[in-house]
Amino acid sequence: MAAKSSQLGNLHELITAMFINDIKMCQDEGIPMSASDKAVIVKFLKDNDITAVIDDAKMKELNEEFADELSKKRAERVLQLVQQTEEDELLQGLV
């Protein structure tokens, strides 16, 4: 016997709400969620092709953070190369 799509949609909503309530309850009460419960939720998300969409503001923040870090590392590397070149030139002058 096949279920109606409206019934399946309703069931999907109820299961989703149940998972959300279970997660909130565990967080509110400070109770760790069991690994099996987590696995069921993850499988539910995977089976329903649920993916995350990156928040644009957070992504921009991360890009800026990494850009700053990369700039610092590049500047340090340039300084190292300049110092090495100067040392090499000094050594060549002694030979």
PDB file of N, CA and C in Angstrom:
ATOM      1  N   MET A   1       0.841  -1.174   0.000  1.00  0.00           N
ATOM      2  CA  MET A   1       0.000   0.000   0.000  1.00  0.00           C
ATOM      3  C   MET A   1       0.889   1.240   0.000  1.00  0.00           C
ATOM      4  N   ALA A   2       0.697   2.090  -0.938  1.00  0.00           N
ATOM      5  CA  ALA A   2       1.508   3.292  -1.058  1.00  0.00           C
ATOM      6  C   ALA A   2       0.879   4.429  -0.255  1.00  0.00           C
ATOM      7  N   ALA A   3       1.747   5.211   0.372  1.00  0.00           N
ATOM      8  CA  ALA A   3       1.274   6.361   1.141  1.00  0.00           C
ATOM      9  C   ALA A   3       1.117   7.560   0.215  1.00  0.00           C
ATOM     10  N   LYS A   4       0.237   8.450   0.576  1.00  0.00           N
ATOM     11  CA  LYS A   4       0.053   9.676  -0.185  1.00  0.00           C
ATOM     12  C   LYS A   4       1.236  10.597   0.074  1.00  0.00           C
ATOM     13  N   SER A   5       1.592  11.391  -0.927  1.00  0.00           N
ATOM     14  CA  SER A   5       2.742  12.279  -0.765  1.00  0.00           C
ATOM     15  C   SER A   5       2.502  13.295   0.348  1.00  0.00           C
ATOM     16  N   SER A   6       1.246  13.697   0.544  1.00  0.00           N
ATOM     17  CA  SER A   6       0.962  14.633   1.638  1.00  0.00           C
ATOM     18  C   SER A   6       1.224  13.986   2.992  1.00  0.00           C
ATOM     19  N   GLN A   7       0.911  12.696   3.114  1.00  0.00           N
ATOM     20  CA  GLN A   7       1.171  11.973   4.355  1.00  0.00           C
ATOM     21  C   GLN A   7       2.685  11.857   4.587  1.00  0.00           C
ATOM     22  N   LEU A   8       3.423  11.563   3.520  1.00  0.00           N
ATOM     23  CA  LEU A   8       4.865  11.440   3.647  1.00  0.00           C
ATOM     24  C   LEU A   8       5.497  12.786   4.017  1.00  0.00           C
ATOM     25  N   GLY A   9       4.979  13.856   3.417  1.00  0.00           N
ATOM     26  CA  GLY A   9       5.460  15.186   3.751  1.00  0.00           C
ATOM     27  C   GLY A   9       5.212  15.516   5.206  1.00  0.00           C
ATOM     28  N   ASN A  10       4.035  15.155   5.694  1.00  0.00           N
ATOM     29  CA  ASN A  10       3.690  15.385   7.104  1.00  0.00           C
ATOM     30  C   ASN A  10       4.594  14.565   8.017  1.00  0.00           C
ATOM     31  N   LEU A  11       4.831  13.314   7.656  1.00  0.00           N
ATOM     32  CA  LEU A  11       5.706  12.444   8.436  1.00  0.00           C
ATOM     33  C   LEU A  11       7.130  13.019   8.477  1.00  0.00           C
ATOM     34  N   HIS A  12       7.577  13.505   7.349  1.00  0.00           N
ATOM     35  CA  HIS A  12       8.911  14.107   7.256  1.00  0.00           C
ATOM     36  C   HIS A  12       9.013  15.304   8.201  1.00  0.00           C
ATOM     37  N   GLU A  13       7.993  16.149   8.206  1.00  0.00           N
ATOM     38  CA  GLU A  13       7.978  17.318   9.092  1.00  0.00           C
ATOM     39  C   GLU A  13       7.980  16.897  10.558  1.00  0.00           C
ATOM     40  N   LEU A  14       7.202  15.877  10.889  1.00  0.00           N
ATOM     41  CA  LEU A  14       7.139  15.404  12.276  1.00  0.00           C
ATOM     42  C   LEU A  14       8.481  14.832  12.733  1.00  0.00           C
ATOM     43  N   ILE A  15       9.111  14.054  11.871  1.00  0.00           N
ATOM     44  CA  ILE A  15      10.413  13.470  12.217  1.00  0.00           C
ATOM     45  C   ILE A  15      11.447  14.572  12.386  1.00  0.00           C
ATOM     46  N   THR A  16      11.415  15.551  11.490  1.00  0.00           N
ATOM     47  CA  THR A  16      12.342  16.673  11.591  1.00  0.00           C
ATOM     48  C   THR A  16      12.136  17.404  12.910  1.00  0.00           C
ATOM     49  N   ALA A  17      10.903  17.690  13.260  1.00  0.00           N
ATOM     50  CA  ALA A  17      10.591  18.381  14.517  1.00  0.00           C
ATOM     51  C   ALA A  17      11.053  17.558  15.713  1.00  0.00           C
ATOM     52  N   MET A  18      10.854  16.242  15.643  1.00  0.00           N
ATOM     53  CA  MET A  18      11.277  15.367  16.736  1.00  0.00           C
ATOM     54  C   MET A  18      12.794  15.427  16.914  1.00  0.00           C
ATOM     55  N   PHE A  19      13.536  15.380  15.819  1.00  0.00           N
ATOM     56  CA  PHE A  19      14.990  15.457  15.901  1.00  0.00           C
ATOM     57  C   PHE A  19      15.425  16.794  16.509  1.00  0.00           C
ATOM     58  N   ILE A  20      14.806  17.871  16.063  1.00  0.00           N
ATOM     59  CA  ILE A  20      15.153  19.196  16.587  1.00  0.00           C
ATOM     60  C   ILE A  20      14.862  19.261  18.085  1.00  0.00           C
ATOM     61  N   ASN A  21      13.713  18.752  18.491  1.00  0.00           N
ATOM     62  CA  ASN A  21      13.352  18.746  19.915  1.00  0.00           C
ATOM     63  C   ASN A  21      14.327  17.903  20.730  1.00  0.00           C
ATOM     64  N   ASP A  22      14.721  16.758  20.211  1.00  0.00           N
ATOM     65  CA  ASP A  22      15.674  15.893  20.912  1.00  0.00           C
ATOM     66  C   ASP A  22      17.024  16.602  21.093  1.00  0.00           C
ATOM     67  N   ILE A  23      17.475  17.263  20.050  1.00  0.00           N
ATOM     68  CA  ILE A  23      18.752  17.978  20.120  1.00  0.00           C
ATOM     69  C   ILE A  23      18.663  19.105  21.149  1.00  0.00           C
ATOM     70  N   LYS A  24      17.576  19.890  21.080  1.00  0.00           N
ATOM     71  CA  LYS A  24      17.399  20.997  22.027  1.00  0.00           C
ATOM     72  C   LYS A  24      17.327  20.490  23.459  1.00  0.00           C
ATOM     73  N   MET A  25      16.616  19.389  23.681  1.00  0.00           N
ATOM     74  CA  MET A  25      16.492  18.826  25.023  1.00  0.00           C
ATOM     75  C   MET A  25      17.873  18.429  25.564  1.00  0.00           C
ATOM     76  N   CYS A  26      18.657  17.779  24.738  1.00  0.00           N
ATOM     77  CA  CYS A  26      19.995  17.374  25.167  1.00  0.00           C
ATOM     78  C   CYS A  26      20.845  18.599  25.497  1.00  0.00           C
ATOM     79  N   GLN A  27      20.757  19.631  24.682  1.00  0.00           N
ATOM     80  CA  GLN A  27      21.519  20.848  24.932  1.00  0.00           C
ATOM     81  C   GLN A  27      21.040  21.543  26.204  1.00  0.00           C
ATOM     82  N   ASP A  28      19.727  21.684  26.351  1.00  0.00           N
ATOM     83  CA  ASP A  28      19.169  22.382  27.513  1.00  0.00           C
ATOM     84  C   ASP A  28      19.486  21.670  28.818  1.00  0.00           C
ATOM     85  N   GLU A  29      19.455  20.350  28.797  1.00  0.00           N
ATOM     86  CA  GLU A  29      19.681  19.581  30.009  1.00  0.00           C
ATOM     87  C   GLU A  29      21.142  19.182  30.188  1.00  0.00           C
ATOM     88  N   GLY A  30      21.966  19.522  29.222  1.00  0.00           N
ATOM     89  CA  GLY A  30      23.387  19.192  29.326  1.00  0.00           C
ATOM     90  C   GLY A  30      23.658  17.704  29.240  1.00  0.00           C
ATOM     91  N   ILE A  31      22.767  17.010  28.570  1.00  0.00           N
ATOM     92  CA  ILE A  31      22.903  15.556  28.411  1.00  0.00           C
ATOM     93  C   ILE A  31      23.511  15.286  27.040  1.00  0.00           C
ATOM     94  N   PRO A  32      24.589  14.506  27.002  1.00  0.00           N
ATOM     95  CA  PRO A  32      25.150  14.186  25.683  1.00  0.00           C
ATOM     96  C   PRO A  32      24.195  13.289  24.893  1.00  0.00           C
ATOM     97  N   MET A  33      24.075  13.584  23.619  1.00  0.00           N
ATOM     98  CA  MET A  33      23.230  12.763  22.753  1.00  0.00           C
ATOM     99  C   MET A  33      23.978  11.469  22.434  1.00  0.00           C
ATOM    100  N   SER A  34      23.265  10.383  22.404  1.00  0.00           N
ATOM    101  CA  SER A  34      23.897   9.096  22.125  1.00  0.00           C
ATOM    102  C   SER A  34      24.431   9.059  20.693  1.00  0.00           C
ATOM    103  N   ALA A  35      25.464   8.281  20.514  1.00  0.00           N
ATOM    104  CA  ALA A  35      26.058   8.141  19.183  1.00  0.00           C
ATOM    105  C   ALA A  35      25.047   7.574  18.191  1.00  0.00           C
ATOM    106  N   SER A  36      24.206   6.673  18.647  1.00  0.00           N
ATOM    107  CA  SER A  36      23.220   6.083  17.736  1.00  0.00           C
ATOM    108  C   SER A  36      22.171   7.120  17.316  1.00  0.00           C
ATOM    109  N   ASP A  37      21.769   7.992  18.243  1.00  0.00           N
ATOM    110  CA  ASP A  37      20.825   9.054  17.878  1.00  0.00           C
ATOM    111  C   ASP A  37      21.457  10.010  16.871  1.00  0.00           C
ATOM    112  N   LYS A  38      22.709  10.367  17.108  1.00  0.00           N
ATOM    113  CA  LYS A  38      23.417  11.247  16.168  1.00  0.00           C
ATOM    114  C   LYS A  38      23.501  10.589  14.790  1.00  0.00           C
ATOM    115  N   ALA A  39      23.801   9.301  14.790  1.00  0.00           N
ATOM    116  CA  ALA A  39      23.936   8.581  13.521  1.00  0.00           C
ATOM    117  C   ALA A  39      22.618   8.567  12.748  1.00  0.00           C
ATOM    118  N   VAL A  40      21.511   8.393  13.456  1.00  0.00           N
ATOM    119  CA  VAL A  40      20.197   8.390  12.805  1.00  0.00           C
ATOM    120  C   VAL A  40      19.910   9.761  12.195  1.00  0.00           C
ATOM    121  N   ILE A  41      20.235  10.830  12.932  1.00  0.00           N
ATOM    122  CA  ILE A  41      19.997  12.188  12.426  1.00  0.00           C
ATOM    123  C   ILE A  41      20.866  12.465  11.204  1.00  0.00           C
ATOM    124  N   VAL A  42      22.134  12.083  11.290  1.00  0.00           N
ATOM    125  CA  VAL A  42      23.044  12.293  10.161  1.00  0.00           C
ATOM    126  C   VAL A  42      22.558  11.515   8.941  1.00  0.00           C
ATOM    127  N   LYS A  43      22.121  10.283   9.141  1.00  0.00           N
ATOM    128  CA  LYS A  43      21.606   9.482   8.017  1.00  0.00           C
ATOM    129  C   LYS A  43      20.356  10.124   7.425  1.00  0.00           C
ATOM    130  N   PHE A  44      19.489  10.633   8.289  1.00  0.00           N
ATOM    131  CA  PHE A  44      18.278  11.314   7.819  1.00  0.00           C
ATOM    132  C   PHE A  44      18.650  12.507   6.940  1.00  0.00           C
ATOM    133  N   LEU A  45      19.618  13.297   7.395  1.00  0.00           N
ATOM    134  CA  LEU A  45      20.054  14.462   6.607  1.00  0.00           C
ATOM    135  C   LEU A  45      20.659  14.018   5.271  1.00  0.00           C
ATOM    136  N   LYS A  46      21.507  12.996   5.346  1.00  0.00           N
ATOM    137  CA  LYS A  46      22.162  12.505   4.124  1.00  0.00           C
ATOM    138  C   LYS A  46      21.140  11.928   3.144  1.00  0.00           C
ATOM    139  N   ASP A  47      20.216  11.137   3.653  1.00  0.00           N
ATOM    140  CA  ASP A  47      19.203  10.516   2.793  1.00  0.00           C
ATOM    141  C   ASP A  47      18.301  11.558   2.122  1.00  0.00           C
ATOM    142  N   ASN A  48      18.183  12.714   2.755  1.00  0.00           N
ATOM    143  CA  ASN A  48      17.335  13.777   2.212  1.00  0.00           C
ATOM    144  C   ASN A  48      18.143  14.846   1.490  1.00  0.00           C
ATOM    145  N   ASP A  49      19.414  14.528   1.211  1.00  0.00           N
ATOM    146  CA  ASP A  49      20.304  15.439   0.485  1.00  0.00           C
ATOM    147  C   ASP A  49      20.365  16.832   1.116  1.00  0.00           C
ATOM    148  N   ILE A  50      20.426  16.862   2.441  1.00  0.00           N
ATOM    149  CA  ILE A  50      20.519  18.131   3.157  1.00  0.00           C
ATOM    150  C   ILE A  50      21.990  18.521   3.225  1.00  0.00           C
ATOM    151  N   THR A  51      22.281  19.716   2.752  1.00  0.00           N
ATOM    152  CA  THR A  51      23.639  20.231   2.787  1.00  0.00           C
ATOM    153  C   THR A  51      23.641  21.601   3.441  1.00  0.00           C
ATOM    154  N   ALA A  52      24.796  22.048   3.817  1.00  0.00           N
ATOM    155  CA  ALA A  52      24.922  23.355   4.454  1.00  0.00           C
ATOM    156  C   ALA A  52      25.205  24.421   3.413  1.00  0.00           C
ATOM    157  N   VAL A  53      24.663  25.582   3.663  1.00  0.00           N
ATOM    158  CA  VAL A  53      24.957  26.749   2.838  1.00  0.00           C
ATOM    159  C   VAL A  53      25.799  27.677   3.697  1.00  0.00           C
ATOM    160  N   ILE A  54      26.929  28.068   3.180  1.00  0.00           N
ATOM    161  CA  ILE A  54      27.846  28.890   3.949  1.00  0.00           C
ATOM    162  C   ILE A  54      27.300  30.307   4.045  1.00  0.00           C
ATOM    163  N   ASP A  55      27.323  30.826   5.262  1.00  0.00           N
ATOM    164  CA  ASP A  55      26.910  32.204   5.511  1.00  0.00           C
ATOM    165  C   ASP A  55      27.938  33.135   4.875  1.00  0.00           C
ATOM    166  N   ASP A  56      27.481  34.037   4.012  1.00  0.00           N
ATOM    167  CA  ASP A  56      28.383  34.929   3.280  1.00  0.00           C
ATOM    168  C   ASP A  56      29.250  35.769   4.217  1.00  0.00           C
ATOM    169  N   ALA A  57      28.666  36.277   5.291  1.00  0.00           N
ATOM    170  CA  ALA A  57      29.425  37.113   6.226  1.00  0.00           C
ATOM    171  C   ALA A  57      30.527  36.304   6.900  1.00  0.00           C
ATOM    172  N   LYS A  58      30.210  35.087   7.303  1.00  0.00           N
ATOM    173  CA  LYS A  58      31.221  34.231   7.945  1.00  0.00           C
ATOM    174  C   LYS A  58      32.321  33.860   6.958  1.00  0.00           C
ATOM    175  N   MET A  59      31.937  33.582   5.723  1.00  0.00           N
ATOM    176  CA  MET A  59      32.928  33.224   4.713  1.00  0.00           C
ATOM    177  C   MET A  59      33.862  34.397   4.456  1.00  0.00           C
ATOM    178  N   LYS A  60      33.311  35.591   4.383  1.00  0.00           N
ATOM    179  CA  LYS A  60      34.136  36.780   4.172  1.00  0.00           C
ATOM    180  C   LYS A  60      35.095  36.976   5.341  1.00  0.00           C
ATOM    181  N   GLU A  61      34.594  36.761   6.539  1.00  0.00           N
ATOM    182  CA  GLU A  61      35.425  36.877   7.738  1.00  0.00           C
ATOM    183  C   GLU A  61      36.579  35.880   7.697  1.00  0.00           C
ATOM    184  N   LEU A  62      36.280  34.641   7.309  1.00  0.00           N
ATOM    185  CA  LEU A  62      37.327  33.621   7.200  1.00  0.00           C
ATOM    186  C   LEU A  62      38.341  33.980   6.122  1.00  0.00           C
ATOM    187  N   ASN A  63      37.852  34.452   4.990  1.00  0.00           N
ATOM    188  CA  ASN A  63      38.756  34.860   3.907  1.00  0.00           C
ATOM    189  C   ASN A  63      39.696  35.958   4.362  1.00  0.00           C
ATOM    190  N   GLU A  64      39.154  36.934   5.082  1.00  0.00           N
ATOM    191  CA  GLU A  64      39.980  38.034   5.572  1.00  0.00           C
ATOM    192  C   GLU A  64      41.007  37.537   6.583  1.00  0.00           C
ATOM    193  N   GLU A  65      40.575  36.636   7.455  1.00  0.00           N
ATOM    194  CA  GLU A  65      41.483  36.085   8.465  1.00  0.00           C
ATOM    195  C   GLU A  65      42.642  35.343   7.793  1.00  0.00           C
ATOM    196  N   PHE A  66      42.312  34.517   6.822  1.00  0.00           N
ATOM    197  CA  PHE A  66      43.359  33.765   6.141  1.00  0.00           C
ATOM    198  C   PHE A  66      44.222  34.656   5.260  1.00  0.00           C
ATOM    199  N   ALA A  67      43.618  35.684   4.682  1.00  0.00           N
ATOM    200  CA  ALA A  67      44.387  36.621   3.860  1.00  0.00           C
ATOM    201  C   ALA A  67      45.408  37.354   4.726  1.00  0.00           C
ATOM    202  N   ASP A  68      44.989  37.776   5.915  1.00  0.00           N
ATOM    203  CA  ASP A  68      45.915  38.444   6.838  1.00  0.00           C
ATOM    204  C   ASP A  68      47.046  37.509   7.238  1.00  0.00           C
ATOM    205  N   GLU A  69      46.686  36.285   7.559  1.00  0.00           N
ATOM    206  CA  GLU A  69      47.691  35.293   7.953  1.00  0.00           C
ATOM    207  C   GLU A  69      48.651  35.017   6.798  1.00  0.00           C
ATOM    208  N   LEU A  70      48.118  34.879   5.596  1.00  0.00           N
ATOM    209  CA  LEU A  70      48.938  34.623   4.428  1.00  0.00           C
ATOM    210  C   LEU A  70      49.869  35.799   4.150  1.00  0.00           C
ATOM    211  N   SER A  71      49.363  37.008   4.288  1.00  0.00           N
ATOM    212  CA  SER A  71      50.193  38.202   4.072  1.00  0.00           C
ATOM    213  C   SER A  71      51.361  38.240   5.050  1.00  0.00           C
ATOM    214  N   LYS A  72      51.090  37.922   6.302  1.00  0.00           N
ATOM    215  CA  LYS A  72      52.150  37.905   7.324  1.00  0.00           C
ATOM    216  C   LYS A  72      53.216  36.863   6.970  1.00  0.00           C
ATOM    217  N   LYS A  73      52.767  35.679   6.584  1.00  0.00           N
ATOM    218  CA  LYS A  73      53.712  34.614   6.244  1.00  0.00           C
ATOM    219  C   LYS A  73      54.534  34.974   5.013  1.00  0.00           C
ATOM    220  N   ARG A  74      53.895  35.605   4.035  1.00  0.00           N
ATOM    221  CA  ARG A  74      54.621  36.025   2.837  1.00  0.00           C
ATOM    222  C   ARG A  74      55.670  37.076   3.192  1.00  0.00           C
ATOM    223  N   ALA A  75      55.302  38.028   4.044  1.00  0.00           N
ATOM    224  CA  ALA A  75      56.245  39.079   4.453  1.00  0.00           C
ATOM    225  C   ALA A  75      57.428  38.466   5.196  1.00  0.00           C
ATOM    226  N   GLU A  76      57.154  37.499   6.062  1.00  0.00           N
ATOM    227  CA  GLU A  76      58.232  36.810   6.791  1.00  0.00           C
ATOM    228  C   GLU A  76      59.144  36.077   5.814  1.00  0.00           C
ATOM    229  N   ARG A  77      58.565  35.439   4.830  1.00  0.00           N
ATOM    230  CA  ARG A  77      59.350  34.681   3.844  1.00  0.00           C
ATOM    231  C   ARG A  77      60.203  35.623   2.999  1.00  0.00           C
ATOM    232  N   VAL A  78      59.651  36.767   2.610  1.00  0.00           N
ATOM    233  CA  VAL A  78      60.418  37.745   1.843  1.00  0.00           C
ATOM    234  C   VAL A  78      61.612  38.218   2.671  1.00  0.00           C
ATOM    235  N   LEU A  79      61.380  38.506   3.932  1.00  0.00           N
ATOM    236  CA  LEU A  79      62.459  38.951   4.816  1.00  0.00           C
ATOM    237  C   LEU A  79      63.543  37.878   4.922  1.00  0.00           C
ATOM    238  N   GLN A  80      63.138  36.627   5.059  1.00  0.00           N
ATOM    239  CA  GLN A  80      64.100  35.526   5.126  1.00  0.00           C
ATOM    240  C   GLN A  80      64.920  35.444   3.839  1.00  0.00           C
ATOM    241  N   LEU A  81      64.255  35.562   2.708  1.00  0.00           N
ATOM    242  CA  LEU A  81      64.962  35.475   1.428  1.00  0.00           C
ATOM    243  C   LEU A  81      65.929  36.640   1.237  1.00  0.00           C
ATOM    244  N   VAL A  82      65.515  37.842   1.644  1.00  0.00           N
ATOM    245  CA  VAL A  82      66.397  39.007   1.544  1.00  0.00           C
ATOM    246  C   VAL A  82      67.619  38.809   2.432  1.00  0.00           C
ATOM    247  N   GLN A  83      67.413  38.349   3.648  1.00  0.00           N
ATOM    248  CA  GLN A  83      68.533  38.113   4.556  1.00  0.00           C
ATOM    249  C   GLN A  83      69.467  37.038   4.001  1.00  0.00           C
ATOM    250  N   GLN A  84      68.896  35.989   3.450  1.00  0.00           N
ATOM    251  CA  GLN A  84      69.707  34.914   2.881  1.00  0.00           C
ATOM    252  C   GLN A  84      70.514  35.425   1.692  1.00  0.00           C
ATOM    253  N   THR A  85      69.882  36.241   0.852  1.00  0.00           N
ATOM    254  CA  THR A  85      70.567  36.812  -0.308  1.00  0.00           C
ATOM    255  C   THR A  85      71.725  37.701   0.139  1.00  0.00           C
ATOM    256  N   GLU A  86      71.473  38.520   1.147  1.00  0.00           N
ATOM    257  CA  GLU A  86      72.530  39.394   1.663  1.00  0.00           C
ATOM    258  C   GLU A  86      73.690  38.583   2.222  1.00  0.00           C
ATOM    259  N   GLU A  87      73.367  37.514   2.946  1.00  0.00           N
ATOM    260  CA  GLU A  87      74.415  36.649   3.493  1.00  0.00           C
ATOM    261  C   GLU A  87      75.203  35.986   2.366  1.00  0.00           C
ATOM    262  N   ASP A  88      74.489  35.518   1.348  1.00  0.00           N
ATOM    263  CA  ASP A  88      75.153  34.887   0.210  1.00  0.00           C
ATOM    264  C   ASP A  88      76.081  35.874  -0.492  1.00  0.00           C
ATOM    265  N   GLU A  89      75.640  37.112  -0.664  1.00  0.00           N
ATOM    266  CA  GLU A  89      76.454  38.134  -1.318  1.00  0.00           C
ATOM    267  C   GLU A  89      77.708  38.451  -0.490  1.00  0.00           C
ATOM    268  N   LEU A  90      77.542  38.485   0.828  1.00  0.00           N
ATOM    269  CA  LEU A  90      78.689  38.719   1.703  1.00  0.00           C
ATOM    270  C   LEU A  90      79.715  37.589   1.598  1.00  0.00           C
ATOM    271  N   LEU A  91      79.189  36.351   1.569  1.00  0.00           N
ATOM    272  CA  LEU A  91      80.061  35.192   1.483  1.00  0.00           C
ATOM    273  C   LEU A  91      80.787  35.179   0.119  1.00  0.00           C
ATOM    274  N   GLN A  92      80.097  35.564  -0.938  1.00  0.00           N
ATOM    275  CA  GLN A  92      80.728  35.594  -2.262  1.00  0.00           C
ATOM    276  C   GLN A  92      81.828  36.664  -2.295  1.00  0.00           C
ATOM    277  N   GLY A  93      81.621  37.753  -1.589  1.00  0.00           N
ATOM    278  CA  GLY A  93      82.619  38.808  -1.543  1.00  0.00           C
ATOM    279  C   GLY A  93      83.878  38.364  -0.808  1.00  0.00           C
ATOM    280  N   LEU A  94      83.750  37.382   0.079  1.00  0.00           N
ATOM    281  CA  LEU A  94      84.901  36.889   0.837  1.00  0.00           C
ATOM    282  C   LEU A  94      85.676  35.853   0.049  1.00  0.00           C
ATOM    283  N   VAL A  95      85.064  35.245  -0.918  1.00  0.00           N
ATOM    284  CA  VAL A  95      85.719  34.174  -1.676  1.00  0.00           C
ATOM    285  C   VAL A  95      86.595  34.718  -2.773  1.00  0.00           C
TER     286      VAL A  95
END
